[in-house]
Amino acid sequence: MHDFGLVSIGSHTGYWLQNQLDRFRLKKNILIEPVPYNIIELKENVSKYQNVIIEESAISNNDEMVPFYFIKRASISKLKKHWASAIGSFDKSHLLNHRSKRFLVSEDDIEEIKIKCLSFESLIKKYSIKSIDRLMLDVEGSEFKILNTIDLKKINISEIFFEKKHFDGYMKQGDKFDKIKKKLIENQYEIKNADDENVLAVLKR
């Protein structure tokens, strides 16, 4: 069994993970990303780090092959938003819900592929994970599926950083968000807002 520094679910291109990879430079780290063109950039952006494993899949609540939707690479420049490549989801409507006067996304801009999903338990088994210093999730509304299945009594996770913005649907927080907050508190985590969109849960010592 191994102690890991960073486990990032939804790593995008890795650009925003540089500080965390520096922080955990001496430990093993896992970066998980399903979007093919993001994986190419991710590998380039973290190539200077020695202890990084890139897992080319998605994490969900089951081991299965499922449809996954993301913005076509050719549409990113047309849509003129740098975050367009980061809103991949199991739910096509999640992408379409981002449509606005300044982001005119349509069905024609969306690509569908079948991707491999691992449960969090399967991820632990695959890499013999004993502990995690920092678990990060940015999975466009699938945070509940993952956090709800983690047995926090079986694995030690010091910090959990996750996006709350779409926890109960597009731009919604509700019962699912409350359930996870309750679970974290019951497992001795202190919860605070890291910013307007993200939550940081720190295990009390």
N, C-alpha and C. Protein backbone atom coordinates (compact mmCIF):
# COMPACT_ATOMS: atom_id res chain seq x y z
N MET A 1 0.84 -1.20 0.00
CA MET A 1 0.00 0.00 0.00
C MET A 1 0.88 1.25 0.00
N HIS A 2 0.39 2.30 -0.66
CA HIS A 2 1.21 3.50 -0.85
C HIS A 2 0.50 4.75 -0.32
N ASP A 3 1.31 5.68 0.16
CA ASP A 3 0.81 7.00 0.55
C ASP A 3 0.94 7.93 -0.65
N PHE A 4 -0.15 8.61 -0.99
CA PHE A 4 -0.16 9.53 -2.13
C PHE A 4 -0.30 10.96 -1.65
N GLY A 5 0.30 11.86 -2.40
CA GLY A 5 0.16 13.28 -2.10
C GLY A 5 -1.14 13.81 -2.67
N LEU A 6 -1.16 14.02 -3.99
CA LEU A 6 -2.33 14.58 -4.67
C LEU A 6 -3.03 13.50 -5.50
N VAL A 7 -4.33 13.43 -5.35
CA VAL A 7 -5.17 12.67 -6.28
C VAL A 7 -6.19 13.67 -6.83
N SER A 8 -6.08 13.97 -8.11
CA SER A 8 -6.93 14.98 -8.74
C SER A 8 -7.87 14.30 -9.73
N ILE A 9 -9.16 14.42 -9.48
CA ILE A 9 -10.18 13.83 -10.35
C ILE A 9 -10.78 14.96 -11.18
N GLY A 10 -10.55 14.91 -12.49
CA GLY A 10 -10.92 16.01 -13.37
C GLY A 10 -9.77 16.99 -13.43
N SER A 11 -8.63 16.53 -13.97
CA SER A 11 -7.39 17.31 -13.91
C SER A 11 -7.24 18.30 -15.04
N HIS A 12 -8.13 18.23 -16.04
CA HIS A 12 -8.10 19.15 -17.18
C HIS A 12 -6.71 19.09 -17.83
N THR A 13 -6.05 20.21 -18.02
CA THR A 13 -4.73 20.22 -18.66
C THR A 13 -3.58 20.23 -17.65
N GLY A 14 -3.91 20.26 -16.37
CA GLY A 14 -2.88 20.29 -15.35
C GLY A 14 -2.30 21.65 -15.08
N TYR A 15 -2.69 22.64 -15.86
CA TYR A 15 -2.11 23.99 -15.72
C TYR A 15 -2.31 24.54 -14.31
N TRP A 16 -3.51 24.32 -13.75
CA TRP A 16 -3.84 24.89 -12.45
C TRP A 16 -3.40 23.99 -11.30
N LEU A 17 -2.73 22.89 -11.60
CA LEU A 17 -2.30 21.96 -10.56
C LEU A 17 -0.82 22.09 -10.22
N GLN A 18 -0.13 23.02 -10.88
CA GLN A 18 1.32 23.12 -10.71
C GLN A 18 1.71 23.35 -9.24
N ASN A 19 1.01 24.23 -8.55
CA ASN A 19 1.35 24.50 -7.15
C ASN A 19 1.19 23.26 -6.28
N GLN A 20 0.12 22.50 -6.55
CA GLN A 20 -0.10 21.29 -5.77
C GLN A 20 0.95 20.22 -6.08
N LEU A 21 1.35 20.12 -7.31
CA LEU A 21 2.38 19.14 -7.68
C LEU A 21 3.73 19.53 -7.08
N ASP A 22 3.98 20.82 -6.99
CA ASP A 22 5.19 21.28 -6.30
C ASP A 22 5.12 20.92 -4.82
N ARG A 23 3.95 21.10 -4.26
CA ARG A 23 3.75 20.81 -2.83
C ARG A 23 4.00 19.34 -2.52
N PHE A 24 3.58 18.47 -3.41
CA PHE A 24 3.69 17.03 -3.17
C PHE A 24 4.73 16.38 -4.09
N ARG A 25 5.73 17.13 -4.42
CA ARG A 25 6.76 16.68 -5.36
C ARG A 25 7.42 15.36 -4.93
N LEU A 26 7.57 15.14 -3.65
CA LEU A 26 8.29 13.97 -3.15
C LEU A 26 7.39 12.75 -2.96
N LYS A 27 6.09 12.90 -3.27
CA LYS A 27 5.15 11.79 -3.12
C LYS A 27 4.60 11.36 -4.47
N LYS A 28 3.97 10.20 -4.49
CA LYS A 28 3.27 9.76 -5.69
C LYS A 28 2.00 10.59 -5.85
N ASN A 29 1.65 10.93 -7.09
CA ASN A 29 0.45 11.71 -7.38
C ASN A 29 -0.29 11.09 -8.55
N ILE A 30 -1.61 11.16 -8.51
CA ILE A 30 -2.44 10.62 -9.59
C ILE A 30 -3.30 11.74 -10.16
N LEU A 31 -3.24 11.92 -11.47
CA LEU A 31 -4.07 12.90 -12.17
C LEU A 31 -5.00 12.16 -13.10
N ILE A 32 -6.28 12.37 -12.94
CA ILE A 32 -7.30 11.62 -13.68
C ILE A 32 -8.04 12.57 -14.62
N GLU A 33 -8.11 12.18 -15.90
CA GLU A 33 -8.75 13.05 -16.90
C GLU A 33 -9.26 12.20 -18.05
N PRO A 34 -10.52 12.40 -18.48
CA PRO A 34 -11.09 11.58 -19.56
C PRO A 34 -11.08 12.20 -20.96
N VAL A 35 -10.94 13.53 -21.07
CA VAL A 35 -11.08 14.18 -22.38
C VAL A 35 -9.78 14.02 -23.17
N PRO A 36 -9.84 13.40 -24.36
CA PRO A 36 -8.62 13.06 -25.09
C PRO A 36 -7.67 14.22 -25.35
N TYR A 37 -8.16 15.37 -25.82
CA TYR A 37 -7.23 16.46 -26.11
C TYR A 37 -6.69 17.10 -24.84
N ASN A 38 -7.44 17.04 -23.74
CA ASN A 38 -6.91 17.52 -22.46
C ASN A 38 -5.78 16.63 -21.96
N ILE A 39 -5.91 15.33 -22.19
CA ILE A 39 -4.88 14.38 -21.76
C ILE A 39 -3.55 14.69 -22.43
N ILE A 40 -3.59 15.05 -23.70
CA ILE A 40 -2.36 15.39 -24.43
C ILE A 40 -1.67 16.57 -23.76
N GLU A 41 -2.43 17.63 -23.48
CA GLU A 41 -1.86 18.81 -22.83
C GLU A 41 -1.43 18.52 -21.40
N LEU A 42 -2.20 17.69 -20.72
CA LEU A 42 -1.88 17.32 -19.34
C LEU A 42 -0.51 16.66 -19.27
N LYS A 43 -0.27 15.73 -20.18
CA LYS A 43 1.02 15.03 -20.19
C LYS A 43 2.17 16.01 -20.44
N GLU A 44 1.95 16.96 -21.31
CA GLU A 44 2.99 17.96 -21.59
C GLU A 44 3.23 18.87 -20.39
N ASN A 45 2.14 19.31 -19.75
CA ASN A 45 2.25 20.29 -18.67
C ASN A 45 2.86 19.72 -17.39
N VAL A 46 2.78 18.41 -17.21
CA VAL A 46 3.32 17.83 -15.97
C VAL A 46 4.55 16.96 -16.23
N SER A 47 5.10 17.06 -17.43
CA SER A 47 6.22 16.19 -17.81
C SER A 47 7.46 16.40 -16.95
N LYS A 48 7.58 17.58 -16.32
CA LYS A 48 8.77 17.86 -15.50
C LYS A 48 8.70 17.19 -14.13
N TYR A 49 7.53 16.68 -13.77
CA TYR A 49 7.37 16.03 -12.46
C TYR A 49 7.61 14.53 -12.59
N GLN A 50 8.32 13.98 -11.62
CA GLN A 50 8.76 12.59 -11.70
C GLN A 50 7.74 11.58 -11.17
N ASN A 51 6.93 11.98 -10.21
CA ASN A 51 6.09 11.02 -9.50
C ASN A 51 4.61 11.13 -9.85
N VAL A 52 4.33 11.36 -11.12
CA VAL A 52 2.95 11.57 -11.55
C VAL A 52 2.44 10.40 -12.39
N ILE A 53 1.29 9.89 -11.99
CA ILE A 53 0.58 8.88 -12.77
C ILE A 53 -0.63 9.55 -13.41
N ILE A 54 -0.79 9.37 -14.72
CA ILE A 54 -1.97 9.92 -15.41
C ILE A 54 -2.91 8.77 -15.72
N GLU A 55 -4.08 8.85 -15.15
CA GLU A 55 -5.12 7.83 -15.34
C GLU A 55 -6.13 8.37 -16.36
N GLU A 56 -6.17 7.73 -17.52
CA GLU A 56 -7.01 8.20 -18.63
C GLU A 56 -8.41 7.58 -18.53
N SER A 57 -9.16 8.04 -17.57
CA SER A 57 -10.51 7.53 -17.37
C SER A 57 -11.30 8.57 -16.58
N ALA A 58 -12.49 8.18 -16.16
CA ALA A 58 -13.30 9.02 -15.28
C ALA A 58 -13.60 8.23 -14.02
N ILE A 59 -13.93 8.93 -12.96
CA ILE A 59 -14.31 8.28 -11.71
C ILE A 59 -15.80 8.53 -11.49
N SER A 60 -16.51 7.46 -11.15
CA SER A 60 -17.94 7.57 -10.88
C SER A 60 -18.28 6.63 -9.73
N ASN A 61 -19.52 6.17 -9.67
CA ASN A 61 -19.91 5.28 -8.58
C ASN A 61 -19.88 3.81 -8.98
N ASN A 62 -19.57 3.52 -10.25
CA ASN A 62 -19.52 2.14 -10.73
C ASN A 62 -18.38 1.95 -11.74
N ASP A 63 -17.94 0.72 -11.89
CA ASP A 63 -17.01 0.38 -12.96
C ASP A 63 -17.84 0.05 -14.20
N GLU A 64 -17.73 0.89 -15.24
CA GLU A 64 -18.55 0.68 -16.42
C GLU A 64 -18.07 1.56 -17.57
N MET A 65 -18.54 1.25 -18.77
CA MET A 65 -18.32 2.09 -19.93
C MET A 65 -19.59 2.92 -20.14
N VAL A 66 -19.44 4.24 -20.22
CA VAL A 66 -20.61 5.11 -20.32
C VAL A 66 -20.37 6.21 -21.33
N PRO A 67 -21.44 6.81 -21.85
CA PRO A 67 -21.27 7.97 -22.73
C PRO A 67 -20.75 9.18 -21.95
N PHE A 68 -19.90 9.94 -22.60
CA PHE A 68 -19.34 11.15 -21.98
C PHE A 68 -19.34 12.24 -23.03
N TYR A 69 -19.65 13.47 -22.61
CA TYR A 69 -19.84 14.58 -23.53
C TYR A 69 -18.86 15.71 -23.20
N PHE A 70 -18.29 16.30 -24.24
CA PHE A 70 -17.38 17.43 -24.04
C PHE A 70 -17.39 18.32 -25.27
N ILE A 71 -16.89 19.53 -25.12
CA ILE A 71 -16.84 20.47 -26.24
C ILE A 71 -15.78 20.03 -27.24
N LYS A 72 -16.17 19.99 -28.52
CA LYS A 72 -15.21 19.62 -29.57
C LYS A 72 -14.04 20.58 -29.55
N ARG A 73 -12.88 20.05 -29.80
CA ARG A 73 -11.69 20.91 -29.79
C ARG A 73 -11.83 22.05 -30.81
N ALA A 74 -12.41 21.74 -31.96
CA ALA A 74 -12.55 22.75 -33.02
C ALA A 74 -13.51 23.87 -32.63
N SER A 75 -14.36 23.62 -31.63
CA SER A 75 -15.34 24.63 -31.22
C SER A 75 -14.84 25.57 -30.14
N ILE A 76 -13.74 25.24 -29.51
CA ILE A 76 -13.28 26.04 -28.37
C ILE A 76 -12.95 27.47 -28.77
N SER A 77 -12.21 27.63 -29.86
CA SER A 77 -11.86 28.99 -30.28
C SER A 77 -13.09 29.75 -30.75
N LYS A 78 -14.02 29.07 -31.37
CA LYS A 78 -15.25 29.72 -31.82
C LYS A 78 -16.09 30.22 -30.64
N LEU A 79 -16.13 29.44 -29.57
CA LEU A 79 -16.94 29.81 -28.41
C LEU A 79 -16.26 30.86 -27.54
N LYS A 80 -14.96 31.03 -27.72
CA LYS A 80 -14.21 32.13 -27.12
C LYS A 80 -14.24 32.14 -25.58
N LYS A 81 -14.25 30.96 -24.98
CA LYS A 81 -14.14 30.86 -23.53
C LYS A 81 -13.08 29.81 -23.20
N HIS A 82 -12.08 30.21 -22.41
CA HIS A 82 -10.97 29.30 -22.11
C HIS A 82 -11.43 28.07 -21.33
N TRP A 83 -12.55 28.21 -20.61
CA TRP A 83 -13.02 27.10 -19.78
C TRP A 83 -13.88 26.10 -20.55
N ALA A 84 -14.07 26.33 -21.84
CA ALA A 84 -14.94 25.44 -22.62
C ALA A 84 -14.45 24.00 -22.63
N SER A 85 -13.13 23.82 -22.55
CA SER A 85 -12.57 22.46 -22.58
C SER A 85 -12.69 21.76 -21.23
N ALA A 86 -13.21 22.46 -20.23
CA ALA A 86 -13.22 21.91 -18.87
C ALA A 86 -14.61 21.54 -18.37
N ILE A 87 -15.62 21.52 -19.23
CA ILE A 87 -16.99 21.27 -18.76
C ILE A 87 -17.54 19.93 -19.23
N GLY A 88 -16.63 18.98 -19.52
CA GLY A 88 -17.07 17.64 -19.90
C GLY A 88 -17.92 17.02 -18.82
N SER A 89 -18.91 16.22 -19.24
CA SER A 89 -19.88 15.69 -18.27
C SER A 89 -20.52 14.41 -18.80
N PHE A 90 -21.06 13.62 -17.87
CA PHE A 90 -21.86 12.45 -18.25
C PHE A 90 -23.23 12.88 -18.77
N ASP A 91 -23.58 14.12 -18.54
CA ASP A 91 -24.90 14.66 -18.89
C ASP A 91 -24.74 15.75 -19.96
N LYS A 92 -25.23 15.48 -21.16
CA LYS A 92 -25.09 16.45 -22.25
C LYS A 92 -25.76 17.78 -21.91
N SER A 93 -26.87 17.72 -21.20
CA SER A 93 -27.59 18.96 -20.88
C SER A 93 -26.75 19.89 -20.01
N HIS A 94 -25.82 19.33 -19.26
CA HIS A 94 -24.94 20.17 -18.43
C HIS A 94 -24.15 21.13 -19.31
N LEU A 95 -23.68 20.65 -20.44
CA LEU A 95 -22.93 21.52 -21.37
C LEU A 95 -23.85 22.55 -22.00
N LEU A 96 -25.02 22.11 -22.43
CA LEU A 96 -25.96 23.02 -23.09
C LEU A 96 -26.49 24.08 -22.13
N ASN A 97 -26.54 23.76 -20.84
CA ASN A 97 -27.01 24.72 -19.84
C ASN A 97 -26.05 25.90 -19.66
N HIS A 98 -24.83 25.75 -20.17
CA HIS A 98 -23.87 26.86 -20.10
C HIS A 98 -24.13 27.92 -21.17
N ARG A 99 -25.07 27.65 -22.05
CA ARG A 99 -25.34 28.59 -23.15
C ARG A 99 -25.77 29.95 -22.61
N SER A 100 -25.19 30.98 -23.17
CA SER A 100 -25.53 32.35 -22.81
C SER A 100 -25.26 33.25 -24.01
N LYS A 101 -25.49 34.54 -23.86
CA LYS A 101 -25.23 35.47 -24.97
C LYS A 101 -23.76 35.47 -25.37
N ARG A 102 -22.89 35.15 -24.40
CA ARG A 102 -21.45 35.16 -24.67
C ARG A 102 -20.86 33.76 -24.84
N PHE A 103 -21.70 32.75 -24.75
CA PHE A 103 -21.24 31.36 -24.92
C PHE A 103 -22.34 30.60 -25.66
N LEU A 104 -22.30 30.70 -26.98
CA LEU A 104 -23.39 30.18 -27.82
C LEU A 104 -23.17 28.72 -28.18
N VAL A 105 -23.06 27.89 -27.16
CA VAL A 105 -22.85 26.46 -27.38
C VAL A 105 -24.13 25.82 -27.93
N SER A 106 -23.94 24.85 -28.82
CA SER A 106 -25.07 24.13 -29.40
C SER A 106 -24.72 22.64 -29.49
N GLU A 107 -25.68 21.85 -29.90
CA GLU A 107 -25.46 20.40 -30.07
C GLU A 107 -24.28 20.13 -31.01
N ASP A 108 -24.11 20.97 -32.02
CA ASP A 108 -23.04 20.77 -33.01
C ASP A 108 -21.64 20.93 -32.40
N ASP A 109 -21.56 21.56 -31.25
CA ASP A 109 -20.27 21.80 -30.60
C ASP A 109 -19.88 20.67 -29.64
N ILE A 110 -20.75 19.70 -29.49
CA ILE A 110 -20.55 18.67 -28.46
C ILE A 110 -20.16 17.34 -29.10
N GLU A 111 -19.13 16.73 -28.54
CA GLU A 111 -18.68 15.41 -28.99
C GLU A 111 -19.05 14.37 -27.93
N GLU A 112 -19.47 13.20 -28.39
CA GLU A 112 -19.81 12.10 -27.48
C GLU A 112 -18.85 10.94 -27.70
N ILE A 113 -18.31 10.41 -26.62
CA ILE A 113 -17.47 9.22 -26.70
C ILE A 113 -17.89 8.26 -25.59
N LYS A 114 -17.47 7.03 -25.69
CA LYS A 114 -17.64 6.07 -24.59
C LYS A 114 -16.35 6.07 -23.79
N ILE A 115 -16.47 6.22 -22.48
CA ILE A 115 -15.27 6.23 -21.66
C ILE A 115 -15.36 5.18 -20.55
N LYS A 116 -14.19 4.81 -20.07
CA LYS A 116 -14.09 3.87 -18.96
C LYS A 116 -14.24 4.61 -17.65
N CYS A 117 -15.14 4.15 -16.81
CA CYS A 117 -15.29 4.70 -15.47
C CYS A 117 -14.78 3.70 -14.44
N LEU A 118 -14.13 4.23 -13.44
CA LEU A 118 -13.74 3.45 -12.27
C LEU A 118 -14.48 3.99 -11.06
N SER A 119 -14.88 3.10 -10.16
CA SER A 119 -15.36 3.57 -8.87
C SER A 119 -14.16 4.02 -8.05
N PHE A 120 -14.41 4.79 -7.01
CA PHE A 120 -13.30 5.24 -6.17
C PHE A 120 -12.63 4.04 -5.51
N GLU A 121 -13.42 3.06 -5.14
CA GLU A 121 -12.86 1.85 -4.53
C GLU A 121 -11.94 1.12 -5.50
N SER A 122 -12.34 1.06 -6.77
CA SER A 122 -11.49 0.42 -7.78
C SER A 122 -10.20 1.19 -8.01
N LEU A 123 -10.29 2.53 -7.94
CA LEU A 123 -9.09 3.36 -8.05
C LEU A 123 -8.11 3.04 -6.92
N ILE A 124 -8.64 2.92 -5.71
CA ILE A 124 -7.80 2.59 -4.55
C ILE A 124 -7.10 1.25 -4.75
N LYS A 125 -7.86 0.27 -5.23
CA LYS A 125 -7.30 -1.07 -5.43
C LYS A 125 -6.26 -1.07 -6.55
N LYS A 126 -6.55 -0.35 -7.63
CA LYS A 126 -5.65 -0.34 -8.78
C LYS A 126 -4.28 0.19 -8.41
N TYR A 127 -4.24 1.22 -7.59
CA TYR A 127 -2.96 1.87 -7.25
C TYR A 127 -2.51 1.60 -5.82
N SER A 128 -3.19 0.67 -5.14
CA SER A 128 -2.83 0.31 -3.76
C SER A 128 -2.67 1.55 -2.88
N ILE A 129 -3.71 2.36 -2.88
CA ILE A 129 -3.68 3.63 -2.15
C ILE A 129 -4.00 3.39 -0.67
N LYS A 130 -3.08 3.80 0.17
CA LYS A 130 -3.26 3.71 1.62
C LYS A 130 -3.80 5.01 2.20
N SER A 131 -3.24 6.13 1.73
CA SER A 131 -3.67 7.44 2.22
C SER A 131 -3.48 8.48 1.13
N ILE A 132 -4.20 9.60 1.27
CA ILE A 132 -4.13 10.71 0.32
C ILE A 132 -4.00 12.00 1.12
N ASP A 133 -3.02 12.81 0.78
CA ASP A 133 -2.88 14.10 1.45
C ASP A 133 -3.95 15.08 0.99
N ARG A 134 -4.20 15.12 -0.32
CA ARG A 134 -5.18 16.07 -0.86
C ARG A 134 -5.93 15.43 -2.02
N LEU A 135 -7.22 15.27 -1.86
CA LEU A 135 -8.10 14.79 -2.92
C LEU A 135 -8.81 16.00 -3.51
N MET A 136 -8.72 16.16 -4.83
CA MET A 136 -9.36 17.29 -5.51
C MET A 136 -10.36 16.76 -6.53
N LEU A 137 -11.54 17.34 -6.55
CA LEU A 137 -12.58 16.94 -7.50
C LEU A 137 -13.13 18.16 -8.22
N ASP A 138 -13.09 18.11 -9.54
CA ASP A 138 -13.74 19.11 -10.39
C ASP A 138 -14.36 18.34 -11.54
N VAL A 139 -15.58 17.83 -11.31
CA VAL A 139 -16.17 16.87 -12.24
C VAL A 139 -17.56 17.27 -12.69
N GLU A 140 -17.82 18.57 -12.68
CA GLU A 140 -19.02 19.14 -13.31
C GLU A 140 -20.31 18.45 -12.90
N GLY A 141 -20.51 18.37 -11.59
CA GLY A 141 -21.78 17.85 -11.08
C GLY A 141 -21.77 16.40 -10.68
N SER A 142 -20.65 15.70 -10.88
CA SER A 142 -20.57 14.29 -10.48
C SER A 142 -19.88 14.12 -9.12
N GLU A 143 -19.65 15.23 -8.44
CA GLU A 143 -18.98 15.16 -7.14
C GLU A 143 -19.73 14.27 -6.15
N PHE A 144 -21.06 14.37 -6.16
CA PHE A 144 -21.84 13.57 -5.21
C PHE A 144 -21.64 12.08 -5.46
N LYS A 145 -21.68 11.67 -6.72
CA LYS A 145 -21.52 10.25 -7.05
C LYS A 145 -20.23 9.68 -6.46
N ILE A 146 -19.19 10.49 -6.48
CA ILE A 146 -17.89 10.03 -5.99
C ILE A 146 -17.82 10.11 -4.47
N LEU A 147 -18.10 11.28 -3.92
CA LEU A 147 -17.94 11.47 -2.48
C LEU A 147 -18.88 10.59 -1.68
N ASN A 148 -20.04 10.30 -2.22
CA ASN A 148 -21.01 9.48 -1.50
C ASN A 148 -20.55 8.03 -1.37
N THR A 149 -19.63 7.60 -2.25
CA THR A 149 -19.20 6.19 -2.22
C THR A 149 -17.87 5.98 -1.50
N ILE A 150 -17.22 7.06 -1.08
CA ILE A 150 -15.93 6.91 -0.39
C ILE A 150 -16.16 6.52 1.07
N ASP A 151 -15.54 5.42 1.47
CA ASP A 151 -15.60 4.99 2.87
C ASP A 151 -14.46 5.69 3.62
N LEU A 152 -14.78 6.77 4.28
CA LEU A 152 -13.76 7.59 4.94
C LEU A 152 -13.20 6.94 6.20
N LYS A 153 -13.77 5.80 6.60
CA LYS A 153 -13.22 5.07 7.73
C LYS A 153 -12.15 4.06 7.27
N LYS A 154 -12.13 3.80 5.97
CA LYS A 154 -11.17 2.83 5.43
C LYS A 154 -9.93 3.48 4.85
N ILE A 155 -10.04 4.74 4.44
CA ILE A 155 -8.90 5.43 3.84
C ILE A 155 -8.73 6.78 4.49
N ASN A 156 -7.50 7.14 4.77
CA ASN A 156 -7.20 8.43 5.39
C ASN A 156 -6.98 9.47 4.29
N ILE A 157 -7.83 10.48 4.26
CA ILE A 157 -7.69 11.59 3.30
C ILE A 157 -7.61 12.87 4.13
N SER A 158 -6.47 13.53 4.09
CA SER A 158 -6.25 14.69 4.96
C SER A 158 -7.06 15.91 4.52
N GLU A 159 -7.13 16.14 3.20
CA GLU A 159 -7.87 17.29 2.67
C GLU A 159 -8.71 16.85 1.48
N ILE A 160 -9.92 17.37 1.41
CA ILE A 160 -10.78 17.13 0.25
C ILE A 160 -11.23 18.49 -0.27
N PHE A 161 -10.86 18.78 -1.50
CA PHE A 161 -11.19 20.06 -2.14
C PHE A 161 -12.11 19.74 -3.31
N PHE A 162 -13.32 20.29 -3.30
CA PHE A 162 -14.26 19.93 -4.37
C PHE A 162 -15.14 21.10 -4.76
N GLU A 163 -15.56 21.06 -6.02
CA GLU A 163 -16.44 22.10 -6.55
C GLU A 163 -17.86 21.86 -6.05
N LYS A 164 -18.49 22.91 -5.57
CA LYS A 164 -19.86 22.81 -5.07
C LYS A 164 -20.87 23.39 -6.06
N LYS A 165 -20.39 24.11 -7.06
CA LYS A 165 -21.24 24.94 -7.90
C LYS A 165 -22.39 24.17 -8.55
N HIS A 166 -22.11 22.94 -9.00
CA HIS A 166 -23.13 22.16 -9.71
C HIS A 166 -23.52 20.90 -8.94
N PHE A 167 -23.41 20.93 -7.64
CA PHE A 167 -23.54 19.71 -6.84
C PHE A 167 -24.90 19.03 -7.01
N ASP A 168 -25.97 19.81 -7.07
CA ASP A 168 -27.32 19.25 -7.21
C ASP A 168 -27.95 19.61 -8.56
N GLY A 169 -27.11 19.78 -9.57
CA GLY A 169 -27.58 20.21 -10.88
C GLY A 169 -26.89 21.50 -11.27
N TYR A 170 -27.14 21.95 -12.46
CA TYR A 170 -26.46 23.14 -12.97
C TYR A 170 -26.71 24.35 -12.06
N MET A 171 -25.65 24.87 -11.49
CA MET A 171 -25.68 26.04 -10.60
C MET A 171 -26.60 25.84 -9.38
N LYS A 172 -26.64 24.61 -8.85
CA LYS A 172 -27.51 24.33 -7.70
C LYS A 172 -26.76 23.59 -6.61
N GLN A 173 -27.08 23.92 -5.36
CA GLN A 173 -26.68 23.12 -4.21
C GLN A 173 -27.95 22.84 -3.41
N GLY A 174 -28.12 21.59 -3.00
CA GLY A 174 -29.34 21.22 -2.30
C GLY A 174 -29.14 20.04 -1.38
N ASP A 175 -30.05 19.07 -1.45
CA ASP A 175 -30.04 17.93 -0.54
C ASP A 175 -28.76 17.10 -0.66
N LYS A 176 -28.27 16.90 -1.87
CA LYS A 176 -27.05 16.10 -2.05
C LYS A 176 -25.85 16.80 -1.40
N PHE A 177 -25.78 18.09 -1.58
CA PHE A 177 -24.69 18.86 -0.98
C PHE A 177 -24.77 18.78 0.55
N ASP A 178 -25.97 18.90 1.09
CA ASP A 178 -26.16 18.82 2.54
C ASP A 178 -25.77 17.43 3.06
N LYS A 179 -26.10 16.40 2.30
CA LYS A 179 -25.78 15.03 2.71
C LYS A 179 -24.27 14.83 2.81
N ILE A 180 -23.54 15.35 1.84
CA ILE A 180 -22.08 15.19 1.85
C ILE A 180 -21.45 16.02 2.96
N LYS A 181 -21.95 17.21 3.18
CA LYS A 181 -21.43 18.02 4.29
C LYS A 181 -21.64 17.28 5.61
N LYS A 182 -22.80 16.68 5.79
CA LYS A 182 -23.09 15.93 7.01
C LYS A 182 -22.13 14.74 7.14
N LYS A 183 -21.91 14.04 6.04
CA LYS A 183 -20.99 12.89 6.05
C LYS A 183 -19.59 13.33 6.45
N LEU A 184 -19.13 14.42 5.90
CA LEU A 184 -17.78 14.90 6.20
C LEU A 184 -17.66 15.31 7.67
N ILE A 185 -18.64 16.01 8.17
CA ILE A 185 -18.62 16.43 9.58
C ILE A 185 -18.62 15.22 10.50
N GLU A 186 -19.44 14.22 10.18
CA GLU A 186 -19.50 13.01 11.00
C GLU A 186 -18.18 12.24 10.98
N ASN A 187 -17.38 12.47 9.94
CA ASN A 187 -16.08 11.81 9.84
C ASN A 187 -14.93 12.75 10.24
N GLN A 188 -15.28 13.75 11.04
CA GLN A 188 -14.28 14.62 11.68
C GLN A 188 -13.58 15.58 10.72
N TYR A 189 -14.30 16.05 9.71
CA TYR A 189 -13.75 17.07 8.82
C TYR A 189 -14.29 18.44 9.21
N GLU A 190 -13.42 19.43 9.11
CA GLU A 190 -13.82 20.83 9.25
C GLU A 190 -14.04 21.39 7.85
N ILE A 191 -15.20 21.97 7.60
CA ILE A 191 -15.58 22.40 6.26
C ILE A 191 -15.61 23.92 6.18
N LYS A 192 -15.05 24.44 5.09
CA LYS A 192 -15.14 25.88 4.85
C LYS A 192 -15.16 26.13 3.35
N ASN A 193 -15.70 27.27 2.95
CA ASN A 193 -15.68 27.66 1.55
C ASN A 193 -14.28 28.14 1.19
N ALA A 194 -13.68 27.51 0.18
CA ALA A 194 -12.37 27.95 -0.29
C ALA A 194 -12.52 29.23 -1.12
N ASP A 195 -13.64 29.31 -1.84
CA ASP A 195 -14.00 30.49 -2.63
C ASP A 195 -15.48 30.36 -2.97
N ASP A 196 -15.97 31.13 -3.91
CA ASP A 196 -17.40 31.10 -4.23
C ASP A 196 -17.85 29.79 -4.85
N GLU A 197 -16.92 29.02 -5.42
CA GLU A 197 -17.29 27.82 -6.17
C GLU A 197 -16.82 26.52 -5.54
N ASN A 198 -15.90 26.59 -4.58
CA ASN A 198 -15.27 25.38 -4.07
C ASN A 198 -15.29 25.29 -2.55
N VAL A 199 -15.24 24.04 -2.07
CA VAL A 199 -15.24 23.74 -0.64
C VAL A 199 -13.94 23.02 -0.29
N LEU A 200 -13.41 23.34 0.89
CA LEU A 200 -12.25 22.62 1.41
C LEU A 200 -12.66 21.96 2.72
N ALA A 201 -12.48 20.63 2.77
CA ALA A 201 -12.74 19.87 4.00
C ALA A 201 -11.40 19.34 4.50
N VAL A 202 -11.07 19.70 5.76
CA VAL A 202 -9.78 19.31 6.34
C VAL A 202 -10.04 18.40 7.53
N LEU A 203 -9.37 17.25 7.52
CA LEU A 203 -9.51 16.28 8.61
C LEU A 203 -8.89 16.84 9.89
N LYS A 204 -9.65 16.84 10.95
CA LYS A 204 -9.15 17.35 12.23
C LYS A 204 -8.11 16.40 12.80
N ARG A 205 -7.06 16.93 13.35
CA ARG A 205 -5.98 16.13 13.93
C ARG A 205 -6.23 15.91 15.42
